[in-house]
Amino acid sequence: METMKTPRVNKREFISRVATRSQLPIRVVNEVYESLLDELTGAVSGGEAVVLTSFGRFYRQDHKGHKVRFGKSNVGDYVVLKFSASSSFNRRLGGHGDDASPRA
């Protein structure tokens, strides 16, 4: 049985694509990328939800710890980052219209 791998875009390629699309230097796009992630992390870790119109919502979800069936240690309380795509973004992913293309 053959498994199909989902194509991936790594950070370097992503930044390069954004730089090309925006006609900005890679250095500038990288600084913006790092700043955006720092701001997103700070806001969400502080309990805020970050809502980016036409894209989606980032928020934290608290989980209670639990006992591990096998093993010696239990899992303590933990937090995960959640993302919920907006309906308009989901429509764009559906391939409807010219704006659905990841590369313009």
PDB file of N, CA and C in Angstrom:
ATOM      1  N   MET A   1       0.834  -1.180   0.000  1.00  0.00           N
ATOM      2  CA  MET A   1       0.000   0.000   0.000  1.00  0.00           C
ATOM      3  C   MET A   1       0.880   1.245   0.000  1.00  0.00           C
ATOM      4  N   GLU A   2       0.670   2.130  -0.965  1.00  0.00           N
ATOM      5  CA  GLU A   2       1.472   3.341  -1.106  1.00  0.00           C
ATOM      6  C   GLU A   2       0.801   4.501  -0.375  1.00  0.00           C
ATOM      7  N   THR A   3       1.580   5.215   0.429  1.00  0.00           N
ATOM      8  CA  THR A   3       1.020   6.370   1.134  1.00  0.00           C
ATOM      9  C   THR A   3       1.378   7.636   0.381  1.00  0.00           C
ATOM     10  N   MET A   4       0.422   8.552   0.320  1.00  0.00           N
ATOM     11  CA  MET A   4       0.628   9.831  -0.353  1.00  0.00           C
ATOM     12  C   MET A   4       1.060  10.861   0.689  1.00  0.00           C
ATOM     13  N   LYS A   5       2.177  11.526   0.432  1.00  0.00           N
ATOM     14  CA  LYS A   5       2.640  12.568   1.338  1.00  0.00           C
ATOM     15  C   LYS A   5       2.084  13.905   0.889  1.00  0.00           C
ATOM     16  N   THR A   6       1.645  14.687   1.866  1.00  0.00           N
ATOM     17  CA  THR A   6       1.165  16.033   1.586  1.00  0.00           C
ATOM     18  C   THR A   6       2.363  16.928   1.310  1.00  0.00           C
ATOM     19  N   PRO A   7       2.339  17.669   0.204  1.00  0.00           N
ATOM     20  CA  PRO A   7       3.458  18.595  -0.044  1.00  0.00           C
ATOM     21  C   PRO A   7       3.555  19.619   1.079  1.00  0.00           C
ATOM     22  N   ARG A   8       4.772  19.980   1.424  1.00  0.00           N
ATOM     23  CA  ARG A   8       5.000  20.952   2.502  1.00  0.00           C
ATOM     24  C   ARG A   8       5.788  22.140   1.990  1.00  0.00           C
ATOM     25  N   VAL A   9       5.574  23.257   2.631  1.00  0.00           N
ATOM     26  CA  VAL A   9       6.359  24.460   2.381  1.00  0.00           C
ATOM     27  C   VAL A   9       7.052  24.796   3.691  1.00  0.00           C
ATOM     28  N   ASN A  10       8.372  24.810   3.681  1.00  0.00           N
ATOM     29  CA  ASN A  10       9.088  25.143   4.915  1.00  0.00           C
ATOM     30  C   ASN A  10       9.178  26.661   5.083  1.00  0.00           C
ATOM     31  N   LYS A  11       9.723  27.073   6.207  1.00  0.00           N
ATOM     32  CA  LYS A  11       9.797  28.500   6.540  1.00  0.00           C
ATOM     33  C   LYS A  11      10.563  29.280   5.471  1.00  0.00           C
ATOM     34  N   ARG A  12      11.701  28.780   5.072  1.00  0.00           N
ATOM     35  CA  ARG A  12      12.525  29.483   4.090  1.00  0.00           C
ATOM     36  C   ARG A  12      11.774  29.689   2.771  1.00  0.00           C
ATOM     37  N   GLU A  13      11.124  28.644   2.281  1.00  0.00           N
ATOM     38  CA  GLU A  13      10.367  28.738   1.029  1.00  0.00           C
ATOM     39  C   GLU A  13       9.173  29.671   1.183  1.00  0.00           C
ATOM     40  N   PHE A  14       8.497  29.594   2.320  1.00  0.00           N
ATOM     41  CA  PHE A  14       7.349  30.460   2.569  1.00  0.00           C
ATOM     42  C   PHE A  14       7.761  31.936   2.533  1.00  0.00           C
ATOM     43  N   ILE A  15       8.837  32.254   3.243  1.00  0.00           N
ATOM     44  CA  ILE A  15       9.323  33.633   3.285  1.00  0.00           C
ATOM     45  C   ILE A  15       9.759  34.080   1.890  1.00  0.00           C
ATOM     46  N   SER A  16      10.396  33.215   1.158  1.00  0.00           N
ATOM     47  CA  SER A  16      10.816  33.535  -0.202  1.00  0.00           C
ATOM     48  C   SER A  16       9.616  33.827  -1.100  1.00  0.00           C
ATOM     49  N   ARG A  17       8.557  33.037  -0.980  1.00  0.00           N
ATOM     50  CA  ARG A  17       7.349  33.258  -1.780  1.00  0.00           C
ATOM     51  C   ARG A  17       6.682  34.586  -1.425  1.00  0.00           C
ATOM     52  N   VAL A  18       6.616  34.887  -0.119  1.00  0.00           N
ATOM     53  CA  VAL A  18       6.011  36.159   0.303  1.00  0.00           C
ATOM     54  C   VAL A  18       6.847  37.325  -0.198  1.00  0.00           C
ATOM     55  N   ALA A  19       8.161  37.201  -0.130  1.00  0.00           N
ATOM     56  CA  ALA A  19       9.047  38.266  -0.611  1.00  0.00           C
ATOM     57  C   ALA A  19       8.842  38.495  -2.110  1.00  0.00           C
ATOM     58  N   THR A  20       8.728  37.429  -2.854  1.00  0.00           N
ATOM     59  CA  THR A  20       8.502  37.549  -4.298  1.00  0.00           C
ATOM     60  C   THR A  20       7.163  38.199  -4.582  1.00  0.00           C
ATOM     61  N   ARG A  21       6.123  37.736  -3.904  1.00  0.00           N
ATOM     62  CA  ARG A  21       4.769  38.268  -4.133  1.00  0.00           C
ATOM     63  C   ARG A  21       4.679  39.745  -3.747  1.00  0.00           C
ATOM     64  N   SER A  22       5.302  40.113  -2.640  1.00  0.00           N
ATOM     65  CA  SER A  22       5.202  41.490  -2.136  1.00  0.00           C
ATOM     66  C   SER A  22       6.279  42.411  -2.702  1.00  0.00           C
ATOM     67  N   GLN A  23       7.250  41.827  -3.389  1.00  0.00           N
ATOM     68  CA  GLN A  23       8.388  42.580  -3.927  1.00  0.00           C
ATOM     69  C   GLN A  23       9.156  43.297  -2.822  1.00  0.00           C
ATOM     70  N   LEU A  24       9.260  42.641  -1.680  1.00  0.00           N
ATOM     71  CA  LEU A  24      10.048  43.145  -0.557  1.00  0.00           C
ATOM     72  C   LEU A  24      11.283  42.263  -0.388  1.00  0.00           C
ATOM     73  N   PRO A  25      12.343  42.800   0.204  1.00  0.00           N
ATOM     74  CA  PRO A  25      13.535  41.975   0.456  1.00  0.00           C
ATOM     75  C   PRO A  25      13.232  40.838   1.438  1.00  0.00           C
ATOM     76  N   ILE A  26      13.888  39.711   1.221  1.00  0.00           N
ATOM     77  CA  ILE A  26      13.698  38.551   2.104  1.00  0.00           C
ATOM     78  C   ILE A  26      13.975  38.922   3.548  1.00  0.00           C
ATOM     79  N   ARG A  27      14.985  39.743   3.791  1.00  0.00           N
ATOM     80  CA  ARG A  27      15.329  40.162   5.156  1.00  0.00           C
ATOM     81  C   ARG A  27      14.155  40.856   5.834  1.00  0.00           C
ATOM     82  N   VAL A  28      13.478  41.739   5.110  1.00  0.00           N
ATOM     83  CA  VAL A  28      12.332  42.469   5.664  1.00  0.00           C
ATOM     84  C   VAL A  28      11.180  41.512   5.937  1.00  0.00           C
ATOM     85  N   VAL A  29      10.903  40.622   4.995  1.00  0.00           N
ATOM     86  CA  VAL A  29       9.811  39.660   5.175  1.00  0.00           C
ATOM     87  C   VAL A  29      10.107  38.752   6.368  1.00  0.00           C
ATOM     88  N   ASN A  30      11.359  38.348   6.526  1.00  0.00           N
ATOM     89  CA  ASN A  30      11.728  37.508   7.659  1.00  0.00           C
ATOM     90  C   ASN A  30      11.513  38.239   8.982  1.00  0.00           C
ATOM     91  N   GLU A  31      11.868  39.516   9.049  1.00  0.00           N
ATOM     92  CA  GLU A  31      11.657  40.306  10.268  1.00  0.00           C
ATOM     93  C   GLU A  31      10.167  40.432  10.586  1.00  0.00           C
ATOM     94  N   VAL A  32       9.365  40.667   9.568  1.00  0.00           N
ATOM     95  CA  VAL A  32       7.915  40.767   9.763  1.00  0.00           C
ATOM     96  C   VAL A  32       7.352  39.423  10.229  1.00  0.00           C
ATOM     97  N   TYR A  33       7.807  38.344   9.620  1.00  0.00           N
ATOM     98  CA  TYR A  33       7.372  36.991   9.999  1.00  0.00           C
ATOM     99  C   TYR A  33       7.673  36.723  11.474  1.00  0.00           C
ATOM    100  N   GLU A  34       8.903  36.986  11.885  1.00  0.00           N
ATOM    101  CA  GLU A  34       9.299  36.751  13.285  1.00  0.00           C
ATOM    102  C   GLU A  34       8.499  37.636  14.232  1.00  0.00           C
ATOM    103  N   SER A  35       8.293  38.896  13.873  1.00  0.00           N
ATOM    104  CA  SER A  35       7.519  39.809  14.712  1.00  0.00           C
ATOM    105  C   SER A  35       6.061  39.365  14.826  1.00  0.00           C
ATOM    106  N   LEU A  36       5.511  38.921  13.708  1.00  0.00           N
ATOM    107  CA  LEU A  36       4.129  38.449  13.708  1.00  0.00           C
ATOM    108  C   LEU A  36       3.971  37.249  14.639  1.00  0.00           C
ATOM    109  N   LEU A  37       4.888  36.288  14.551  1.00  0.00           N
ATOM    110  CA  LEU A  37       4.808  35.114  15.426  1.00  0.00           C
ATOM    111  C   LEU A  37       5.007  35.483  16.895  1.00  0.00           C
ATOM    112  N   ASP A  38       5.928  36.400  17.168  1.00  0.00           N
ATOM    113  CA  ASP A  38       6.148  36.846  18.549  1.00  0.00           C
ATOM    114  C   ASP A  38       4.895  37.513  19.111  1.00  0.00           C
ATOM    115  N   GLU A  39       4.281  38.376  18.325  1.00  0.00           N
ATOM    116  CA  GLU A  39       3.071  39.069  18.775  1.00  0.00           C
ATOM    117  C   GLU A  39       1.919  38.093  18.969  1.00  0.00           C
ATOM    118  N   LEU A  40       1.748  37.164  18.035  1.00  0.00           N
ATOM    119  CA  LEU A  40       0.700  36.152  18.135  1.00  0.00           C
ATOM    120  C   LEU A  40       0.891  35.292  19.381  1.00  0.00           C
ATOM    121  N   THR A  41       2.113  34.846  19.602  1.00  0.00           N
ATOM    122  CA  THR A  41       2.427  34.022  20.776  1.00  0.00           C
ATOM    123  C   THR A  41       2.165  34.779  22.062  1.00  0.00           C
ATOM    124  N   GLY A  42       2.608  36.026  22.130  1.00  0.00           N
ATOM    125  CA  GLY A  42       2.407  36.827  23.334  1.00  0.00           C
ATOM    126  C   GLY A  42       0.937  37.063  23.632  1.00  0.00           C
ATOM    127  N   ALA A  43       0.163  37.388  22.606  1.00  0.00           N
ATOM    128  CA  ALA A  43      -1.258  37.656  22.810  1.00  0.00           C
ATOM    129  C   ALA A  43      -2.000  36.399  23.253  1.00  0.00           C
ATOM    130  N   VAL A  44      -1.765  35.295  22.554  1.00  0.00           N
ATOM    131  CA  VAL A  44      -2.488  34.055  22.877  1.00  0.00           C
ATOM    132  C   VAL A  44      -2.051  33.508  24.232  1.00  0.00           C
ATOM    133  N   SER A  45      -0.765  33.570  24.541  1.00  0.00           N
ATOM    134  CA  SER A  45      -0.313  33.065  25.836  1.00  0.00           C
ATOM    135  C   SER A  45      -0.840  33.934  26.973  1.00  0.00           C
ATOM    136  N   GLY A  46      -1.172  35.197  26.672  1.00  0.00           N
ATOM    137  CA  GLY A  46      -1.763  36.087  27.658  1.00  0.00           C
ATOM    138  C   GLY A  46      -3.272  35.939  27.788  1.00  0.00           C
ATOM    139  N   GLY A  47      -3.842  34.977  27.065  1.00  0.00           N
ATOM    140  CA  GLY A  47      -5.270  34.712  27.187  1.00  0.00           C
ATOM    141  C   GLY A  47      -6.137  35.422  26.154  1.00  0.00           C
ATOM    142  N   GLU A  48      -5.523  36.163  25.241  1.00  0.00           N
ATOM    143  CA  GLU A  48      -6.302  36.857  24.215  1.00  0.00           C
ATOM    144  C   GLU A  48      -6.517  35.945  23.009  1.00  0.00           C
ATOM    145  N   ALA A  49      -7.627  36.138  22.329  1.00  0.00           N
ATOM    146  CA  ALA A  49      -7.847  35.495  21.039  1.00  0.00           C
ATOM    147  C   ALA A  49      -7.421  36.494  19.971  1.00  0.00           C
ATOM    148  N   VAL A  50      -6.707  36.023  18.967  1.00  0.00           N
ATOM    149  CA  VAL A  50      -6.280  36.883  17.871  1.00  0.00           C
ATOM    150  C   VAL A  50      -7.154  36.551  16.673  1.00  0.00           C
ATOM    151  N   VAL A  51      -7.922  37.546  16.228  1.00  0.00           N
ATOM    152  CA  VAL A  51      -8.836  37.359  15.108  1.00  0.00           C
ATOM    153  C   VAL A  51      -8.308  38.144  13.913  1.00  0.00           C
ATOM    154  N   LEU A  52      -7.982  37.432  12.853  1.00  0.00           N
ATOM    155  CA  LEU A  52      -7.521  38.052  11.617  1.00  0.00           C
ATOM    156  C   LEU A  52      -8.650  37.924  10.604  1.00  0.00           C
ATOM    157  N   THR A  53      -9.308  39.030  10.337  1.00  0.00           N
ATOM    158  CA  THR A  53     -10.465  39.051   9.462  1.00  0.00           C
ATOM    159  C   THR A  53     -10.139  38.385   8.126  1.00  0.00           C
ATOM    160  N   SER A  54     -11.042  37.577   7.654  1.00  0.00           N
ATOM    161  CA  SER A  54     -10.928  36.826   6.402  1.00  0.00           C
ATOM    162  C   SER A  54      -9.866  35.737   6.449  1.00  0.00           C
ATOM    163  N   PHE A  55      -9.304  35.469   7.623  1.00  0.00           N
ATOM    164  CA  PHE A  55      -8.331  34.384   7.759  1.00  0.00           C
ATOM    165  C   PHE A  55      -8.780  33.404   8.835  1.00  0.00           C
ATOM    166  N   GLY A  56      -8.857  33.869  10.084  1.00  0.00           N
ATOM    167  CA  GLY A  56      -9.277  32.970  11.141  1.00  0.00           C
ATOM    168  C   GLY A  56      -8.955  33.501  12.518  1.00  0.00           C
ATOM    169  N   ARG A  57      -9.119  32.631  13.501  1.00  0.00           N
ATOM    170  CA  ARG A  57      -8.950  33.001  14.904  1.00  0.00           C
ATOM    171  C   ARG A  57      -7.977  32.047  15.563  1.00  0.00           C
ATOM    172  N   PHE A  58      -6.997  32.607  16.285  1.00  0.00           N
ATOM    173  CA  PHE A  58      -6.049  31.843  17.081  1.00  0.00           C
ATOM    174  C   PHE A  58      -6.426  32.033  18.540  1.00  0.00           C
ATOM    175  N   TYR A  59      -6.435  30.955  19.301  1.00  0.00           N
ATOM    176  CA  TYR A  59      -6.773  31.061  20.710  1.00  0.00           C
ATOM    177  C   TYR A  59      -6.155  29.891  21.472  1.00  0.00           C
ATOM    178  N   ARG A  60      -6.078  30.042  22.775  1.00  0.00           N
ATOM    179  CA  ARG A  60      -5.526  28.976  23.605  1.00  0.00           C
ATOM    180  C   ARG A  60      -6.654  28.121  24.154  1.00  0.00           C
ATOM    181  N   GLN A  61      -6.356  26.853  24.335  1.00  0.00           N
ATOM    182  CA  GLN A  61      -7.329  25.945  24.931  1.00  0.00           C
ATOM    183  C   GLN A  61      -6.621  25.190  26.052  1.00  0.00           C
ATOM    184  N   ASP A  62      -7.158  25.350  27.250  1.00  0.00           N
ATOM    185  CA  ASP A  62      -6.581  24.694  28.420  1.00  0.00           C
ATOM    186  C   ASP A  62      -7.081  23.262  28.509  1.00  0.00           C
ATOM    187  N   HIS A  63      -6.180  22.358  28.862  1.00  0.00           N
ATOM    188  CA  HIS A  63      -6.531  20.953  29.043  1.00  0.00           C
ATOM    189  C   HIS A  63      -6.130  20.520  30.446  1.00  0.00           C
ATOM    190  N   LYS A  64      -6.968  19.746  31.062  1.00  0.00           N
ATOM    191  CA  LYS A  64      -6.657  19.194  32.381  1.00  0.00           C
ATOM    192  C   LYS A  64      -5.716  18.014  32.207  1.00  0.00           C
ATOM    193  N   GLY A  65      -4.856  17.840  33.184  1.00  0.00           N
ATOM    194  CA  GLY A  65      -3.966  16.693  33.174  1.00  0.00           C
ATOM    195  C   GLY A  65      -4.754  15.403  33.304  1.00  0.00           C
ATOM    196  N   HIS A  66      -4.090  14.309  33.054  1.00  0.00           N
ATOM    197  CA  HIS A  66      -4.765  13.017  33.157  1.00  0.00           C
ATOM    198  C   HIS A  66      -3.758  11.935  33.526  1.00  0.00           C
ATOM    199  N   LYS A  67      -4.307  10.859  33.993  1.00  0.00           N
ATOM    200  CA  LYS A  67      -3.474   9.720  34.348  1.00  0.00           C
ATOM    201  C   LYS A  67      -3.098   8.962  33.079  1.00  0.00           C
ATOM    202  N   VAL A  68      -1.878   8.474  33.072  1.00  0.00           N
ATOM    203  CA  VAL A  68      -1.400   7.699  31.942  1.00  0.00           C
ATOM    204  C   VAL A  68      -1.602   6.231  32.277  1.00  0.00           C
ATOM    205  N   ARG A  69      -2.210   5.537  31.362  1.00  0.00           N
ATOM    206  CA  ARG A  69      -2.508   4.124  31.599  1.00  0.00           C
ATOM    207  C   ARG A  69      -1.222   3.309  31.726  1.00  0.00           C
ATOM    208  N   PHE A  70      -0.303   3.538  30.809  1.00  0.00           N
ATOM    209  CA  PHE A  70       0.970   2.821  30.843  1.00  0.00           C
ATOM    210  C   PHE A  70       2.075   3.844  31.048  1.00  0.00           C
ATOM    211  N   GLY A  71       3.034   3.508  31.837  1.00  0.00           N
ATOM    212  CA  GLY A  71       4.119   4.444  32.108  1.00  0.00           C
ATOM    213  C   GLY A  71       4.083   4.868  33.563  1.00  0.00           C
ATOM    214  N   LYS A  72       5.094   5.585  33.947  1.00  0.00           N
ATOM    215  CA  LYS A  72       5.243   5.926  35.353  1.00  0.00           C
ATOM    216  C   LYS A  72       4.781   7.326  35.708  1.00  0.00           C
ATOM    217  N   SER A  73       4.656   8.198  34.726  1.00  0.00           N
ATOM    218  CA  SER A  73       4.295   9.567  35.063  1.00  0.00           C
ATOM    219  C   SER A  73       2.930   9.934  34.500  1.00  0.00           C
ATOM    220  N   ASN A  74       2.315  10.885  35.146  1.00  0.00           N
ATOM    221  CA  ASN A  74       1.037  11.403  34.682  1.00  0.00           C
ATOM    222  C   ASN A  74       1.274  12.663  33.867  1.00  0.00           C
ATOM    223  N   VAL A  75       0.303  13.028  33.058  1.00  0.00           N
ATOM    224  CA  VAL A  75       0.382  14.242  32.263  1.00  0.00           C
ATOM    225  C   VAL A  75      -0.267  15.359  33.065  1.00  0.00           C
ATOM    226  N   GLY A  76       0.468  16.445  33.279  1.00  0.00           N
ATOM    227  CA  GLY A  76      -0.072  17.589  34.006  1.00  0.00           C
ATOM    228  C   GLY A  76      -0.966  18.438  33.122  1.00  0.00           C
ATOM    229  N   ASP A  77      -1.542  19.476  33.712  1.00  0.00           N
ATOM    230  CA  ASP A  77      -2.351  20.411  32.930  1.00  0.00           C
ATOM    231  C   ASP A  77      -1.483  21.001  31.821  1.00  0.00           C
ATOM    232  N   TYR A  78      -2.091  21.273  30.682  1.00  0.00           N
ATOM    233  CA  TYR A  78      -1.337  21.846  29.573  1.00  0.00           C
ATOM    234  C   TYR A  78      -2.239  22.716  28.704  1.00  0.00           C
ATOM    235  N   VAL A  79      -1.601  23.522  27.862  1.00  0.00           N
ATOM    236  CA  VAL A  79      -2.297  24.464  26.986  1.00  0.00           C
ATOM    237  C   VAL A  79      -1.902  24.161  25.545  1.00  0.00           C
ATOM    238  N   VAL A  80      -2.873  24.250  24.645  1.00  0.00           N
ATOM    239  CA  VAL A  80      -2.570  24.085  23.226  1.00  0.00           C
ATOM    240  C   VAL A  80      -3.078  25.297  22.453  1.00  0.00           C
ATOM    241  N   LEU A  81      -2.401  25.606  21.360  1.00  0.00           N
ATOM    242  CA  LEU A  81      -2.829  26.660  20.458  1.00  0.00           C
ATOM    243  C   LEU A  81      -3.860  26.070  19.513  1.00  0.00           C
ATOM    244  N   LYS A  82      -4.970  26.744  19.380  1.00  0.00           N
ATOM    245  CA  LYS A  82      -6.025  26.305  18.464  1.00  0.00           C
ATOM    246  C   LYS A  82      -6.183  27.355  17.374  1.00  0.00           C
ATOM    247  N   PHE A  83      -6.598  26.906  16.204  1.00  0.00           N
ATOM    248  CA  PHE A  83      -6.863  27.804  15.087  1.00  0.00           C
ATOM    249  C   PHE A  83      -8.184  27.404  14.467  1.00  0.00           C
ATOM    250  N   SER A  84      -9.007  28.387  14.215  1.00  0.00           N
ATOM    251  CA  SER A  84     -10.280  28.160  13.552  1.00  0.00           C
ATOM    252  C   SER A  84     -10.329  29.068  12.327  1.00  0.00           C
ATOM    253  N   ALA A  85     -10.343  28.457  11.141  1.00  0.00           N
ATOM    254  CA  ALA A  85     -10.352  29.247   9.904  1.00  0.00           C
ATOM    255  C   ALA A  85     -11.702  29.920   9.726  1.00  0.00           C
ATOM    256  N   SER A  86     -11.692  31.120   9.160  1.00  0.00           N
ATOM    257  CA  SER A  86     -12.939  31.829   8.892  1.00  0.00           C
ATOM    258  C   SER A  86     -13.667  31.150   7.729  1.00  0.00           C
ATOM    259  N   SER A  87     -14.950  31.391   7.645  1.00  0.00           N
ATOM    260  CA  SER A  87     -15.724  30.785   6.558  1.00  0.00           C
ATOM    261  C   SER A  87     -15.258  31.298   5.198  1.00  0.00           C
ATOM    262  N   SER A  88     -14.869  32.567   5.121  1.00  0.00           N
ATOM    263  CA  SER A  88     -14.401  33.100   3.833  1.00  0.00           C
ATOM    264  C   SER A  88     -13.077  32.449   3.430  1.00  0.00           C
ATOM    265  N   PHE A  89     -12.205  32.166   4.396  1.00  0.00           N
ATOM    266  CA  PHE A  89     -10.951  31.489   4.076  1.00  0.00           C
ATOM    267  C   PHE A  89     -11.224  30.058   3.638  1.00  0.00           C
ATOM    268  N   ASN A  90     -12.129  29.385   4.318  1.00  0.00           N
ATOM    269  CA  ASN A  90     -12.485  28.019   3.925  1.00  0.00           C
ATOM    270  C   ASN A  90     -13.050  27.985   2.514  1.00  0.00           C
ATOM    271  N   ARG A  91     -13.846  28.980   2.135  1.00  0.00           N
ATOM    272  CA  ARG A  91     -14.370  29.042   0.766  1.00  0.00           C
ATOM    273  C   ARG A  91     -13.226  29.187  -0.235  1.00  0.00           C
ATOM    274  N   ARG A  92     -12.229  30.000   0.103  1.00  0.00           N
ATOM    275  CA  ARG A  92     -11.077  30.174  -0.796  1.00  0.00           C
ATOM    276  C   ARG A  92     -10.318  28.869  -0.969  1.00  0.00           C
ATOM    277  N   LEU A  93     -10.255  28.062   0.067  1.00  0.00           N
ATOM    278  CA  LEU A  93      -9.570  26.771  -0.031  1.00  0.00           C
ATOM    279  C   LEU A  93     -10.331  25.795  -0.912  1.00  0.00           C
ATOM    280  N   GLY A  94     -11.615  26.027  -1.079  1.00  0.00           N
ATOM    281  CA  GLY A  94     -12.443  25.127  -1.869  1.00  0.00           C
ATOM    282  C   GLY A  94     -12.178  25.193  -3.354  1.00  0.00           C
ATOM    283  N   GLY A  95     -11.365  26.137  -3.824  1.00  0.00           N
ATOM    284  CA  GLY A  95     -11.023  26.219  -5.232  1.00  0.00           C
ATOM    285  C   GLY A  95     -12.020  26.982  -6.063  1.00  0.00           C
ATOM    286  N   HIS A  96     -12.848  27.802  -5.442  1.00  0.00           N
ATOM    287  CA  HIS A  96     -13.828  28.580  -6.184  1.00  0.00           C
ATOM    288  C   HIS A  96     -13.284  29.967  -6.446  1.00  0.00           C
ATOM    289  N   GLY A  97     -13.224  30.346  -7.690  1.00  0.00           N
ATOM    290  CA  GLY A  97     -12.790  31.695  -8.026  1.00  0.00           C
ATOM    291  C   GLY A  97     -11.298  31.770  -8.235  1.00  0.00           C
ATOM    292  N   ASP A  98     -10.839  32.880  -8.807  1.00  0.00           N
ATOM    293  CA  ASP A  98      -9.437  33.070  -9.122  1.00  0.00           C
ATOM    294  C   ASP A  98      -8.572  33.265  -7.891  1.00  0.00           C
ATOM    295  N   ASP A  99      -9.163  33.748  -6.778  1.00  0.00           N
ATOM    296  CA  ASP A  99      -8.363  34.030  -5.571  1.00  0.00           C
ATOM    297  C   ASP A  99      -8.065  32.779  -4.771  1.00  0.00           C
ATOM    298  N   ALA A 100      -8.508  31.608  -5.231  1.00  0.00           N
ATOM    299  CA  ALA A 100      -8.262  30.369  -4.496  1.00  0.00           C
ATOM    300  C   ALA A 100      -6.851  29.836  -4.727  1.00  0.00           C
ATOM    301  N   SER A 101      -6.194  30.305  -5.759  1.00  0.00           N
ATOM    302  CA  SER A 101      -4.865  29.829  -6.083  1.00  0.00           C
ATOM    303  C   SER A 101      -3.859  30.279  -5.035  1.00  0.00           C
ATOM    304  N   PRO A 102      -3.009  29.353  -4.520  1.00  0.00           N
ATOM    305  CA  PRO A 102      -2.015  29.751  -3.522  1.00  0.00           C
ATOM    306  C   PRO A 102      -0.954  30.661  -4.108  1.00  0.00           C
ATOM    307  N   ARG A 103      -0.737  30.581  -5.425  1.00  0.00           N
ATOM    308  CA  ARG A 103       0.251  31.444  -6.073  1.00  0.00           C
ATOM    309  C   ARG A 103      -0.451  32.265  -7.139  1.00  0.00           C
ATOM    310  N   ALA A 104      -0.349  33.567  -7.023  1.00  0.00           N
ATOM    311  CA  ALA A 104      -0.971  34.430  -8.038  1.00  0.00           C
ATOM    312  C   ALA A 104       0.084  35.042  -8.915  1.00  0.00           C
TER     313      ALA A 104
END
